[in-house]
Amino acid sequence: VHVVLPPVALDGPAVTIRKFPEPITMEKL
């Protein structure tokens, strides 16, 4: 999770979530 709040984020709080599901194995890659 990455969060940036005002006043740096001009249009309101910005939240970016990068989900981590089950680990991707070399076989899946």
mmCIF file of all heavy atoms, coordinates in Angstrom:
data_MODEL
# 
_entry.id   MODEL 
# 
loop_
_atom_site.group_PDB 
_atom_site.id 
_atom_site.type_symbol 
_atom_site.label_atom_id 
_atom_site.label_alt_id 
_atom_site.label_comp_id 
_atom_site.label_asym_id 
_atom_site.label_entity_id 
_atom_site.label_seq_id 
_atom_site.pdbx_PDB_ins_code 
_atom_site.Cartn_x 
_atom_site.Cartn_y 
_atom_site.Cartn_z 
_atom_site.occupancy 
_atom_site.B_iso_or_equiv 
_atom_site.pdbx_formal_charge 
_atom_site.auth_seq_id 
_atom_site.auth_comp_id 
_atom_site.auth_asym_id 
_atom_site.auth_atom_id 
_atom_site.pdbx_PDB_model_num 
ATOM 1   N N   . VAL A 1 1  ? 0.851  -1.196  0.000   1.00 0.00 ? 1  VAL A N   1 
ATOM 2   C CA  . VAL A 1 1  ? 0.000  0.000   0.000   1.00 0.00 ? 1  VAL A CA  1 
ATOM 3   C C   . VAL A 1 1  ? 0.883  1.240   0.000   1.00 0.00 ? 1  VAL A C   1 
ATOM 4   O O   . VAL A 1 1  ? 1.817  1.342   0.797   1.00 0.00 ? 1  VAL A O   1 
ATOM 5   C CB  . VAL A 1 1  ? -0.931 0.035   1.235   1.00 0.00 ? 1  VAL A CB  1 
ATOM 6   C CG1 . VAL A 1 1  ? -1.842 1.259   1.173   1.00 0.00 ? 1  VAL A CG1 1 
ATOM 7   C CG2 . VAL A 1 1  ? -1.759 -1.235  1.332   1.00 0.00 ? 1  VAL A CG2 1 
ATOM 8   N N   . HIS A 1 2  ? 0.583  2.174   -0.893  1.00 0.00 ? 2  HIS A N   1 
ATOM 9   C CA  . HIS A 1 2  ? 1.294  3.455   -0.930  1.00 0.00 ? 2  HIS A CA  1 
ATOM 10  C C   . HIS A 1 2  ? 0.272  4.565   -0.789  1.00 0.00 ? 2  HIS A C   1 
ATOM 11  O O   . HIS A 1 2  ? -0.740 4.584   -1.505  1.00 0.00 ? 2  HIS A O   1 
ATOM 12  C CB  . HIS A 1 2  ? 2.060  3.607   -2.244  1.00 0.00 ? 2  HIS A CB  1 
ATOM 13  C CG  . HIS A 1 2  ? 2.872  4.861   -2.313  1.00 0.00 ? 2  HIS A CG  1 
ATOM 14  N ND1 . HIS A 1 2  ? 4.019  5.049   -1.571  1.00 0.00 ? 2  HIS A ND1 1 
ATOM 15  C CD2 . HIS A 1 2  ? 2.693  6.008   -3.017  1.00 0.00 ? 2  HIS A CD2 1 
ATOM 16  C CE1 . HIS A 1 2  ? 4.529  6.235   -1.825  1.00 0.00 ? 2  HIS A CE1 1 
ATOM 17  N NE2 . HIS A 1 2  ? 3.737  6.844   -2.687  1.00 0.00 ? 2  HIS A NE2 1 
ATOM 18  N N   . VAL A 1 3  ? 0.511  5.480   0.145   1.00 0.00 ? 3  VAL A N   1 
ATOM 19  C CA  . VAL A 1 3  ? -0.447 6.541   0.455   1.00 0.00 ? 3  VAL A CA  1 
ATOM 20  C C   . VAL A 1 3  ? 0.211  7.909   0.290   1.00 0.00 ? 3  VAL A C   1 
ATOM 21  O O   . VAL A 1 3  ? 1.338  8.124   0.742   1.00 0.00 ? 3  VAL A O   1 
ATOM 22  C CB  . VAL A 1 3  ? -0.984 6.398   1.901   1.00 0.00 ? 3  VAL A CB  1 
ATOM 23  C CG1 . VAL A 1 3  ? -1.927 7.550   2.234   1.00 0.00 ? 3  VAL A CG1 1 
ATOM 24  C CG2 . VAL A 1 3  ? -1.685 5.061   2.094   1.00 0.00 ? 3  VAL A CG2 1 
ATOM 25  N N   . VAL A 1 4  ? -0.502 8.826   -0.342  1.00 0.00 ? 4  VAL A N   1 
ATOM 26  C CA  . VAL A 1 4  ? -0.080 10.231  -0.427  1.00 0.00 ? 4  VAL A CA  1 
ATOM 27  C C   . VAL A 1 4  ? -1.276 11.093  -0.040  1.00 0.00 ? 4  VAL A C   1 
ATOM 28  O O   . VAL A 1 4  ? -2.349 10.988  -0.635  1.00 0.00 ? 4  VAL A O   1 
ATOM 29  C CB  . VAL A 1 4  ? 0.396  10.606  -1.844  1.00 0.00 ? 4  VAL A CB  1 
ATOM 30  C CG1 . VAL A 1 4  ? 0.891  12.051  -1.858  1.00 0.00 ? 4  VAL A CG1 1 
ATOM 31  C CG2 . VAL A 1 4  ? 1.491  9.670   -2.324  1.00 0.00 ? 4  VAL A CG2 1 
ATOM 32  N N   . LEU A 1 5  ? -1.088 11.934  0.969   1.00 0.00 ? 5  LEU A N   1 
ATOM 33  C CA  . LEU A 1 5  ? -2.171 12.774  1.476   1.00 0.00 ? 5  LEU A CA  1 
ATOM 34  C C   . LEU A 1 5  ? -2.034 14.214  0.988   1.00 0.00 ? 5  LEU A C   1 
ATOM 35  O O   . LEU A 1 5  ? -0.945 14.649  0.604   1.00 0.00 ? 5  LEU A O   1 
ATOM 36  C CB  . LEU A 1 5  ? -2.166 12.776  3.011   1.00 0.00 ? 5  LEU A CB  1 
ATOM 37  C CG  . LEU A 1 5  ? -2.461 11.466  3.745   1.00 0.00 ? 5  LEU A CG  1 
ATOM 38  C CD1 . LEU A 1 5  ? -2.473 11.733  5.244   1.00 0.00 ? 5  LEU A CD1 1 
ATOM 39  C CD2 . LEU A 1 5  ? -3.777 10.870  3.294   1.00 0.00 ? 5  LEU A CD2 1 
ATOM 40  N N   . PRO A 1 6  ? -3.137 14.984  1.019   1.00 0.00 ? 6  PRO A N   1 
ATOM 41  C CA  . PRO A 1 6  ? -3.036 16.426  0.794   1.00 0.00 ? 6  PRO A CA  1 
ATOM 42  C C   . PRO A 1 6  ? -2.151 17.042  1.882   1.00 0.00 ? 6  PRO A C   1 
ATOM 43  O O   . PRO A 1 6  ? -2.054 16.480  2.976   1.00 0.00 ? 6  PRO A O   1 
ATOM 44  C CB  . PRO A 1 6  ? -4.490 16.894  0.929   1.00 0.00 ? 6  PRO A CB  1 
ATOM 45  C CG  . PRO A 1 6  ? -5.314 15.672  0.659   1.00 0.00 ? 6  PRO A CG  1 
ATOM 46  C CD  . PRO A 1 6  ? -4.511 14.538  1.216   1.00 0.00 ? 6  PRO A CD  1 
ATOM 47  N N   . PRO A 1 7  ? -1.473 18.153  1.641   1.00 0.00 ? 7  PRO A N   1 
ATOM 48  C CA  . PRO A 1 7  ? -1.574 18.976  0.428   1.00 0.00 ? 7  PRO A CA  1 
ATOM 49  C C   . PRO A 1 7  ? -0.718 18.493  -0.738  1.00 0.00 ? 7  PRO A C   1 
ATOM 50  O O   . PRO A 1 7  ? -0.765 19.084  -1.807  1.00 0.00 ? 7  PRO A O   1 
ATOM 51  C CB  . PRO A 1 7  ? -1.070 20.337  0.922   1.00 0.00 ? 7  PRO A CB  1 
ATOM 52  C CG  . PRO A 1 7  ? -0.059 19.976  1.986   1.00 0.00 ? 7  PRO A CG  1 
ATOM 53  C CD  . PRO A 1 7  ? -0.610 18.750  2.672   1.00 0.00 ? 7  PRO A CD  1 
ATOM 54  N N   . VAL A 1 8  ? 0.067  17.407  -0.530  1.00 0.00 ? 8  VAL A N   1 
ATOM 55  C CA  . VAL A 1 8  ? 0.891  16.898  -1.623  1.00 0.00 ? 8  VAL A CA  1 
ATOM 56  C C   . VAL A 1 8  ? -0.002 16.346  -2.732  1.00 0.00 ? 8  VAL A C   1 
ATOM 57  O O   . VAL A 1 8  ? 0.234  16.592  -3.922  1.00 0.00 ? 8  VAL A O   1 
ATOM 58  C CB  . VAL A 1 8  ? 1.858  15.808  -1.109  1.00 0.00 ? 8  VAL A CB  1 
ATOM 59  C CG1 . VAL A 1 8  ? 2.662  15.217  -2.254  1.00 0.00 ? 8  VAL A CG1 1 
ATOM 60  C CG2 . VAL A 1 8  ? 2.797  16.389  -0.062  1.00 0.00 ? 8  VAL A CG2 1 
ATOM 61  N N   . ALA A 1 9  ? -1.022 15.556  -2.367  1.00 0.00 ? 9  ALA A N   1 
ATOM 62  C CA  . ALA A 1 9  ? -2.001 15.056  -3.334  1.00 0.00 ? 9  ALA A CA  1 
ATOM 63  C C   . ALA A 1 9  ? -3.091 16.112  -3.491  1.00 0.00 ? 9  ALA A C   1 
ATOM 64  O O   . ALA A 1 9  ? -3.879 16.347  -2.576  1.00 0.00 ? 9  ALA A O   1 
ATOM 65  C CB  . ALA A 1 9  ? -2.589 13.733  -2.846  1.00 0.00 ? 9  ALA A CB  1 
ATOM 66  N N   . LEU A 1 10 ? -3.143 16.757  -4.623  1.00 0.00 ? 10 LEU A N   1 
ATOM 67  C CA  . LEU A 1 10 ? -3.978 17.939  -4.806  1.00 0.00 ? 10 LEU A CA  1 
ATOM 68  C C   . LEU A 1 10 ? -5.468 17.625  -4.863  1.00 0.00 ? 10 LEU A C   1 
ATOM 69  O O   . LEU A 1 10 ? -6.297 18.468  -4.532  1.00 0.00 ? 10 LEU A O   1 
ATOM 70  C CB  . LEU A 1 10 ? -3.567 18.671  -6.086  1.00 0.00 ? 10 LEU A CB  1 
ATOM 71  C CG  . LEU A 1 10 ? -2.108 19.140  -6.147  1.00 0.00 ? 10 LEU A CG  1 
ATOM 72  C CD1 . LEU A 1 10 ? -1.846 19.850  -7.458  1.00 0.00 ? 10 LEU A CD1 1 
ATOM 73  C CD2 . LEU A 1 10 ? -1.796 20.059  -4.969  1.00 0.00 ? 10 LEU A CD2 1 
ATOM 74  N N   . ASP A 1 11 ? -5.832 16.417  -5.312  1.00 0.00 ? 11 ASP A N   1 
ATOM 75  C CA  . ASP A 1 11 ? -7.241 16.079  -5.500  1.00 0.00 ? 11 ASP A CA  1 
ATOM 76  C C   . ASP A 1 11 ? -7.784 15.143  -4.424  1.00 0.00 ? 11 ASP A C   1 
ATOM 77  O O   . ASP A 1 11 ? -8.742 14.408  -4.649  1.00 0.00 ? 11 ASP A O   1 
ATOM 78  C CB  . ASP A 1 11 ? -7.448 15.435  -6.878  1.00 0.00 ? 11 ASP A CB  1 
ATOM 79  C CG  . ASP A 1 11 ? -7.034 16.370  -8.001  1.00 0.00 ? 11 ASP A CG  1 
ATOM 80  O OD1 . ASP A 1 11 ? -7.358 17.566  -7.916  1.00 0.00 ? 11 ASP A OD1 1 
ATOM 81  O OD2 . ASP A 1 11 ? -6.372 15.902  -8.949  1.00 0.00 ? 11 ASP A OD2 1 
ATOM 82  N N   . GLY A 1 12 ? -7.155 15.145  -3.263  1.00 0.00 ? 12 GLY A N   1 
ATOM 83  C CA  . GLY A 1 12 ? -7.601 14.274  -2.185  1.00 0.00 ? 12 GLY A CA  1 
ATOM 84  C C   . GLY A 1 12 ? -6.642 13.117  -1.986  1.00 0.00 ? 12 GLY A C   1 
ATOM 85  O O   . GLY A 1 12 ? -5.723 12.901  -2.786  1.00 0.00 ? 12 GLY A O   1 
ATOM 86  N N   . PRO A 1 13 ? -6.822 12.348  -0.912  1.00 0.00 ? 13 PRO A N   1 
ATOM 87  C CA  . PRO A 1 13 ? -5.907 11.237  -0.617  1.00 0.00 ? 13 PRO A CA  1 
ATOM 88  C C   . PRO A 1 13 ? -5.777 10.277  -1.789  1.00 0.00 ? 13 PRO A C   1 
ATOM 89  O O   . PRO A 1 13 ? -6.778 9.881   -2.401  1.00 0.00 ? 13 PRO A O   1 
ATOM 90  C CB  . PRO A 1 13 ? -6.572 10.556  0.585   1.00 0.00 ? 13 PRO A CB  1 
ATOM 91  C CG  . PRO A 1 13 ? -7.410 11.617  1.217   1.00 0.00 ? 13 PRO A CG  1 
ATOM 92  C CD  . PRO A 1 13 ? -7.894 12.472  0.096   1.00 0.00 ? 13 PRO A CD  1 
ATOM 93  N N   . ALA A 1 14 ? -4.538 9.897   -2.103  1.00 0.00 ? 14 ALA A N   1 
ATOM 94  C CA  . ALA A 1 14 ? -4.276 8.944   -3.181  1.00 0.00 ? 14 ALA A CA  1 
ATOM 95  C C   . ALA A 1 14 ? -3.727 7.662   -2.567  1.00 0.00 ? 14 ALA A C   1 
ATOM 96  O O   . ALA A 1 14 ? -2.735 7.694   -1.832  1.00 0.00 ? 14 ALA A O   1 
ATOM 97  C CB  . ALA A 1 14 ? -3.283 9.529   -4.177  1.00 0.00 ? 14 ALA A CB  1 
ATOM 98  N N   . VAL A 1 15 ? -4.374 6.560   -2.865  1.00 0.00 ? 15 VAL A N   1 
ATOM 99  C CA  . VAL A 1 15 ? -3.977 5.262   -2.322  1.00 0.00 ? 15 VAL A CA  1 
ATOM 100 C C   . VAL A 1 15 ? -3.765 4.289   -3.474  1.00 0.00 ? 15 VAL A C   1 
ATOM 101 O O   . VAL A 1 15 ? -4.626 4.164   -4.345  1.00 0.00 ? 15 VAL A O   1 
ATOM 102 C CB  . VAL A 1 15 ? -5.043 4.697   -1.361  1.00 0.00 ? 15 VAL A CB  1 
ATOM 103 C CG1 . VAL A 1 15 ? -4.584 3.366   -0.775  1.00 0.00 ? 15 VAL A CG1 1 
ATOM 104 C CG2 . VAL A 1 15 ? -5.356 5.687   -0.258  1.00 0.00 ? 15 VAL A CG2 1 
ATOM 105 N N   . THR A 1 16 ? -2.631 3.627   -3.470  1.00 0.00 ? 16 THR A N   1 
ATOM 106 C CA  . THR A 1 16 ? -2.355 2.601   -4.476  1.00 0.00 ? 16 THR A CA  1 
ATOM 107 C C   . THR A 1 16 ? -2.088 1.290   -3.757  1.00 0.00 ? 16 THR A C   1 
ATOM 108 O O   . THR A 1 16 ? -1.222 1.220   -2.890  1.00 0.00 ? 16 THR A O   1 
ATOM 109 C CB  . THR A 1 16 ? -1.124 2.972   -5.330  1.00 0.00 ? 16 THR A CB  1 
ATOM 110 O OG1 . THR A 1 16 ? -1.309 4.277   -5.880  1.00 0.00 ? 16 THR A OG1 1 
ATOM 111 C CG2 . THR A 1 16 ? -0.937 1.970   -6.459  1.00 0.00 ? 16 THR A CG2 1 
ATOM 112 N N   . ILE A 1 17 ? -2.842 0.273   -4.101  1.00 0.00 ? 17 ILE A N   1 
ATOM 113 C CA  . ILE A 1 17 ? -2.691 -1.043  -3.487  1.00 0.00 ? 17 ILE A CA  1 
ATOM 114 C C   . ILE A 1 17 ? -2.282 -2.042  -4.567  1.00 0.00 ? 17 ILE A C   1 
ATOM 115 O O   . ILE A 1 17 ? -2.976 -2.195  -5.573  1.00 0.00 ? 17 ILE A O   1 
ATOM 116 C CB  . ILE A 1 17 ? -4.003 -1.518  -2.820  1.00 0.00 ? 17 ILE A CB  1 
ATOM 117 C CG1 . ILE A 1 17 ? -4.439 -0.522  -1.742  1.00 0.00 ? 17 ILE A CG1 1 
ATOM 118 C CG2 . ILE A 1 17 ? -3.821 -2.912  -2.222  1.00 0.00 ? 17 ILE A CG2 1 
ATOM 119 C CD1 . ILE A 1 17 ? -5.773 -0.855  -1.108  1.00 0.00 ? 17 ILE A CD1 1 
ATOM 120 N N   . ARG A 1 18 ? -1.148 -2.666  -4.361  1.00 0.00 ? 18 ARG A N   1 
ATOM 121 C CA  . ARG A 1 18 ? -0.703 -3.724  -5.273  1.00 0.00 ? 18 ARG A CA  1 
ATOM 122 C C   . ARG A 1 18 ? -0.882 -5.056  -4.558  1.00 0.00 ? 18 ARG A C   1 
ATOM 123 O O   . ARG A 1 18 ? -0.187 -5.344  -3.586  1.00 0.00 ? 18 ARG A O   1 
ATOM 124 C CB  . ARG A 1 18 ? 0.761  -3.521  -5.675  1.00 0.00 ? 18 ARG A CB  1 
ATOM 125 C CG  . ARG A 1 18 ? 1.147  -4.376  -6.872  1.00 0.00 ? 18 ARG A CG  1 
ATOM 126 C CD  . ARG A 1 18 ? 2.530  -4.039  -7.350  1.00 0.00 ? 18 ARG A CD  1 
ATOM 127 N NE  . ARG A 1 18 ? 3.544  -4.707  -6.563  1.00 0.00 ? 18 ARG A NE  1 
ATOM 128 C CZ  . ARG A 1 18 ? 4.838  -4.512  -6.697  1.00 0.00 ? 18 ARG A CZ  1 
ATOM 129 N NH1 . ARG A 1 18 ? 5.278  -3.634  -7.556  1.00 0.00 ? 18 ARG A NH1 1 
ATOM 130 N NH2 . ARG A 1 18 ? 5.709  -5.165  -5.967  1.00 0.00 ? 18 ARG A NH2 1 
ATOM 131 N N   . LYS A 1 19 ? -1.827 -5.823  -5.024  1.00 0.00 ? 19 LYS A N   1 
ATOM 132 C CA  . LYS A 1 19 ? -2.181 -7.059  -4.339  1.00 0.00 ? 19 LYS A CA  1 
ATOM 133 C C   . LYS A 1 19 ? -1.116 -8.139  -4.535  1.00 0.00 ? 19 LYS A C   1 
ATOM 134 O O   . LYS A 1 19 ? -0.479 -8.223  -5.580  1.00 0.00 ? 19 LYS A O   1 
ATOM 135 C CB  . LYS A 1 19 ? -3.532 -7.576  -4.833  1.00 0.00 ? 19 LYS A CB  1 
ATOM 136 C CG  . LYS A 1 19 ? -4.703 -6.715  -4.385  1.00 0.00 ? 19 LYS A CG  1 
ATOM 137 C CD  . LYS A 1 19 ? -5.987 -7.126  -5.054  1.00 0.00 ? 19 LYS A CD  1 
ATOM 138 C CE  . LYS A 1 19 ? -6.366 -8.556  -4.725  1.00 0.00 ? 19 LYS A CE  1 
ATOM 139 N NZ  . LYS A 1 19 ? -7.651 -8.939  -5.347  1.00 0.00 ? 19 LYS A NZ  1 
ATOM 140 N N   . PHE A 1 20 ? -0.966 -8.952  -3.491  1.00 0.00 ? 20 PHE A N   1 
ATOM 141 C CA  . PHE A 1 20 ? -0.050 -10.081 -3.557  1.00 0.00 ? 20 PHE A CA  1 
ATOM 142 C C   . PHE A 1 20 ? -0.820 -11.362 -3.289  1.00 0.00 ? 20 PHE A C   1 
ATOM 143 O O   . PHE A 1 20 ? -1.058 -11.727 -2.153  1.00 0.00 ? 20 PHE A O   1 
ATOM 144 C CB  . PHE A 1 20 ? 1.089  -9.921  -2.544  1.00 0.00 ? 20 PHE A CB  1 
ATOM 145 C CG  . PHE A 1 20 ? 2.296  -9.304  -3.160  1.00 0.00 ? 20 PHE A CG  1 
ATOM 146 C CD1 . PHE A 1 20 ? 2.327  -7.952  -3.404  1.00 0.00 ? 20 PHE A CD1 1 
ATOM 147 C CD2 . PHE A 1 20 ? 3.374  -10.070 -3.531  1.00 0.00 ? 20 PHE A CD2 1 
ATOM 148 C CE1 . PHE A 1 20 ? 3.418  -7.365  -3.993  1.00 0.00 ? 20 PHE A CE1 1 
ATOM 149 C CE2 . PHE A 1 20 ? 4.475  -9.487  -4.121  1.00 0.00 ? 20 PHE A CE2 1 
ATOM 150 C CZ  . PHE A 1 20 ? 4.503  -8.132  -4.354  1.00 0.00 ? 20 PHE A CZ  1 
ATOM 151 N N   . PRO A 1 21 ? -1.226 -12.027 -4.361  1.00 0.00 ? 21 PRO A N   1 
ATOM 152 C CA  . PRO A 1 21 ? -1.936 -13.288 -4.198  1.00 0.00 ? 21 PRO A CA  1 
ATOM 153 C C   . PRO A 1 21 ? -0.957 -14.399 -3.852  1.00 0.00 ? 21 PRO A C   1 
ATOM 154 O O   . PRO A 1 21 ? 0.112  -14.157 -3.309  1.00 0.00 ? 21 PRO A O   1 
ATOM 155 C CB  . PRO A 1 21 ? -2.567 -13.506 -5.580  1.00 0.00 ? 21 PRO A CB  1 
ATOM 156 C CG  . PRO A 1 21 ? -1.622 -12.822 -6.517  1.00 0.00 ? 21 PRO A CG  1 
ATOM 157 C CD  . PRO A 1 21 ? -1.038 -11.661 -5.757  1.00 0.00 ? 21 PRO A CD  1 
ATOM 158 N N   . GLU A 1 22 ? -1.308 -15.606 -4.174  1.00 0.00 ? 22 GLU A N   1 
ATOM 159 C CA  . GLU A 1 22 ? -0.409 -16.728 -3.954  1.00 0.00 ? 22 GLU A CA  1 
ATOM 160 C C   . GLU A 1 22 ? 0.902  -16.477 -4.693  1.00 0.00 ? 22 GLU A C   1 
ATOM 161 O O   . GLU A 1 22 ? 0.899  -15.952 -5.807  1.00 0.00 ? 22 GLU A O   1 
ATOM 162 C CB  . GLU A 1 22 ? -1.044 -18.031 -4.457  1.00 0.00 ? 22 GLU A CB  1 
ATOM 163 C CG  . GLU A 1 22 ? -2.225 -18.500 -3.631  1.00 0.00 ? 22 GLU A CG  1 
ATOM 164 C CD  . GLU A 1 22 ? -1.828 -18.909 -2.233  1.00 0.00 ? 22 GLU A CD  1 
ATOM 165 O OE1 . GLU A 1 22 ? -0.790 -19.581 -2.083  1.00 0.00 ? 22 GLU A OE1 1 
ATOM 166 O OE2 . GLU A 1 22 ? -2.542 -18.541 -1.285  1.00 0.00 ? 22 GLU A OE2 1 
ATOM 167 N N   . PRO A 1 23 ? 2.058  -16.838 -4.079  1.00 0.00 ? 23 PRO A N   1 
ATOM 168 C CA  . PRO A 1 23 ? 3.335  -16.612 -4.754  1.00 0.00 ? 23 PRO A CA  1 
ATOM 169 C C   . PRO A 1 23 ? 3.354  -17.265 -6.132  1.00 0.00 ? 23 PRO A C   1 
ATOM 170 O O   . PRO A 1 23 ? 2.925  -18.410 -6.296  1.00 0.00 ? 23 PRO A O   1 
ATOM 171 C CB  . PRO A 1 23 ? 4.342  -17.283 -3.806  1.00 0.00 ? 23 PRO A CB  1 
ATOM 172 C CG  . PRO A 1 23 ? 3.670  -17.320 -2.482  1.00 0.00 ? 23 PRO A CG  1 
ATOM 173 C CD  . PRO A 1 23 ? 2.214  -17.476 -2.762  1.00 0.00 ? 23 PRO A CD  1 
ATOM 174 N N   . ILE A 1 24 ? 3.820  -16.504 -7.124  1.00 0.00 ? 24 ILE A N   1 
ATOM 175 C CA  . ILE A 1 24 ? 3.923  -17.040 -8.481  1.00 0.00 ? 24 ILE A CA  1 
ATOM 176 C C   . ILE A 1 24 ? 5.245  -17.785 -8.610  1.00 0.00 ? 24 ILE A C   1 
ATOM 177 O O   . ILE A 1 24 ? 6.316  -17.216 -8.410  1.00 0.00 ? 24 ILE A O   1 
ATOM 178 C CB  . ILE A 1 24 ? 3.825  -15.905 -9.519  1.00 0.00 ? 24 ILE A CB  1 
ATOM 179 C CG1 . ILE A 1 24 ? 2.438  -15.256 -9.446  1.00 0.00 ? 24 ILE A CG1 1 
ATOM 180 C CG2 . ILE A 1 24 ? 4.085  -16.426 -10.927 1.00 0.00 ? 24 ILE A CG2 1 
ATOM 181 C CD1 . ILE A 1 24 ? 2.234  -14.114 -10.417 1.00 0.00 ? 24 ILE A CD1 1 
ATOM 182 N N   . THR A 1 25 ? 5.163  -19.046 -8.921  1.00 0.00 ? 25 THR A N   1 
ATOM 183 C CA  . THR A 1 25 ? 6.347  -19.892 -9.020  1.00 0.00 ? 25 THR A CA  1 
ATOM 184 C C   . THR A 1 25 ? 6.990  -19.756 -10.394 1.00 0.00 ? 25 THR A C   1 
ATOM 185 O O   . THR A 1 25 ? 6.397  -19.211 -11.331 1.00 0.00 ? 25 THR A O   1 
ATOM 186 C CB  . THR A 1 25 ? 5.977  -21.361 -8.786  1.00 0.00 ? 25 THR A CB  1 
ATOM 187 O OG1 . THR A 1 25 ? 5.051  -21.768 -9.815  1.00 0.00 ? 25 THR A OG1 1 
ATOM 188 C CG2 . THR A 1 25 ? 5.318  -21.549 -7.420  1.00 0.00 ? 25 THR A CG2 1 
ATOM 189 N N   . MET A 1 26 ? 8.200  -20.294 -10.517 1.00 0.00 ? 26 MET A N   1 
ATOM 190 C CA  . MET A 1 26 ? 8.872  -20.283 -11.807 1.00 0.00 ? 26 MET A CA  1 
ATOM 191 C C   . MET A 1 26 ? 8.076  -21.097 -12.828 1.00 0.00 ? 26 MET A C   1 
ATOM 192 O O   . MET A 1 26 ? 8.048  -20.765 -14.023 1.00 0.00 ? 26 MET A O   1 
ATOM 193 C CB  . MET A 1 26 ? 10.290 -20.831 -11.667 1.00 0.00 ? 26 MET A CB  1 
ATOM 194 C CG  . MET A 1 26 ? 11.167 -20.583 -12.877 1.00 0.00 ? 26 MET A CG  1 
ATOM 195 S SD  . MET A 1 26 ? 11.414 -18.811 -13.259 1.00 0.00 ? 26 MET A SD  1 
ATOM 196 C CE  . MET A 1 26 ? 12.537 -18.318 -11.938 1.00 0.00 ? 26 MET A CE  1 
ATOM 197 N N   . GLU A 1 27 ? 7.393  -22.149 -12.360 1.00 0.00 ? 27 GLU A N   1 
ATOM 198 C CA  . GLU A 1 27 ? 6.569  -22.957 -13.262 1.00 0.00 ? 27 GLU A CA  1 
ATOM 199 C C   . GLU A 1 27 ? 5.449  -22.110 -13.864 1.00 0.00 ? 27 GLU A C   1 
ATOM 200 O O   . GLU A 1 27 ? 5.134  -22.228 -15.058 1.00 0.00 ? 27 GLU A O   1 
ATOM 201 C CB  . GLU A 1 27 ? 5.977  -24.155 -12.505 1.00 0.00 ? 27 GLU A CB  1 
ATOM 202 C CG  . GLU A 1 27 ? 6.959  -25.259 -12.168 1.00 0.00 ? 27 GLU A CG  1 
ATOM 203 C CD  . GLU A 1 27 ? 7.915  -24.869 -11.041 1.00 0.00 ? 27 GLU A CD  1 
ATOM 204 O OE1 . GLU A 1 27 ? 7.583  -23.922 -10.267 1.00 0.00 ? 27 GLU A OE1 1 
ATOM 205 O OE2 . GLU A 1 27 ? 8.991  -25.486 -10.941 1.00 0.00 ? 27 GLU A OE2 1 
ATOM 206 N N   . LYS A 1 28 ? 4.839  -21.242 -13.043 1.00 0.00 ? 28 LYS A N   1 
ATOM 207 C CA  . LYS A 1 28 ? 3.782  -20.377 -13.559 1.00 0.00 ? 28 LYS A CA  1 
ATOM 208 C C   . LYS A 1 28 ? 4.342  -19.346 -14.531 1.00 0.00 ? 28 LYS A C   1 
ATOM 209 O O   . LYS A 1 28 ? 3.708  -19.029 -15.547 1.00 0.00 ? 28 LYS A O   1 
ATOM 210 C CB  . LYS A 1 28 ? 3.066  -19.676 -12.400 1.00 0.00 ? 28 LYS A CB  1 
ATOM 211 C CG  . LYS A 1 28 ? 2.157  -20.587 -11.591 1.00 0.00 ? 28 LYS A CG  1 
ATOM 212 C CD  . LYS A 1 28 ? 1.398  -19.807 -10.531 1.00 0.00 ? 28 LYS A CD  1 
ATOM 213 C CE  . LYS A 1 28 ? 0.479  -20.719 -9.730  1.00 0.00 ? 28 LYS A CE  1 
ATOM 214 N NZ  . LYS A 1 28 ? -0.251 -19.976 -8.671  1.00 0.00 ? 28 LYS A NZ  1 
ATOM 215 N N   . LEU A 1 29 ? 5.521  -18.820 -14.229 1.00 0.00 ? 29 LEU A N   1 
ATOM 216 C CA  . LEU A 1 29 ? 6.142  -17.853 -15.141 1.00 0.00 ? 29 LEU A CA  1 
ATOM 217 C C   . LEU A 1 29 ? 6.441  -18.504 -16.484 1.00 0.00 ? 29 LEU A C   1 
ATOM 218 O O   . LEU A 1 29 ? 6.304  -17.873 -17.537 1.00 0.00 ? 29 LEU A O   1 
ATOM 219 C CB  . LEU A 1 29 ? 7.424  -17.293 -14.517 1.00 0.00 ? 29 LEU A CB  1 
ATOM 220 C CG  . LEU A 1 29 ? 7.242  -16.376 -13.300 1.00 0.00 ? 29 LEU A CG  1 
ATOM 221 C CD1 . LEU A 1 29 ? 8.588  -15.936 -12.751 1.00 0.00 ? 29 LEU A CD1 1 
ATOM 222 C CD2 . LEU A 1 29 ? 6.410  -15.150 -13.668 1.00 0.00 ? 29 LEU A CD2 1 
# 
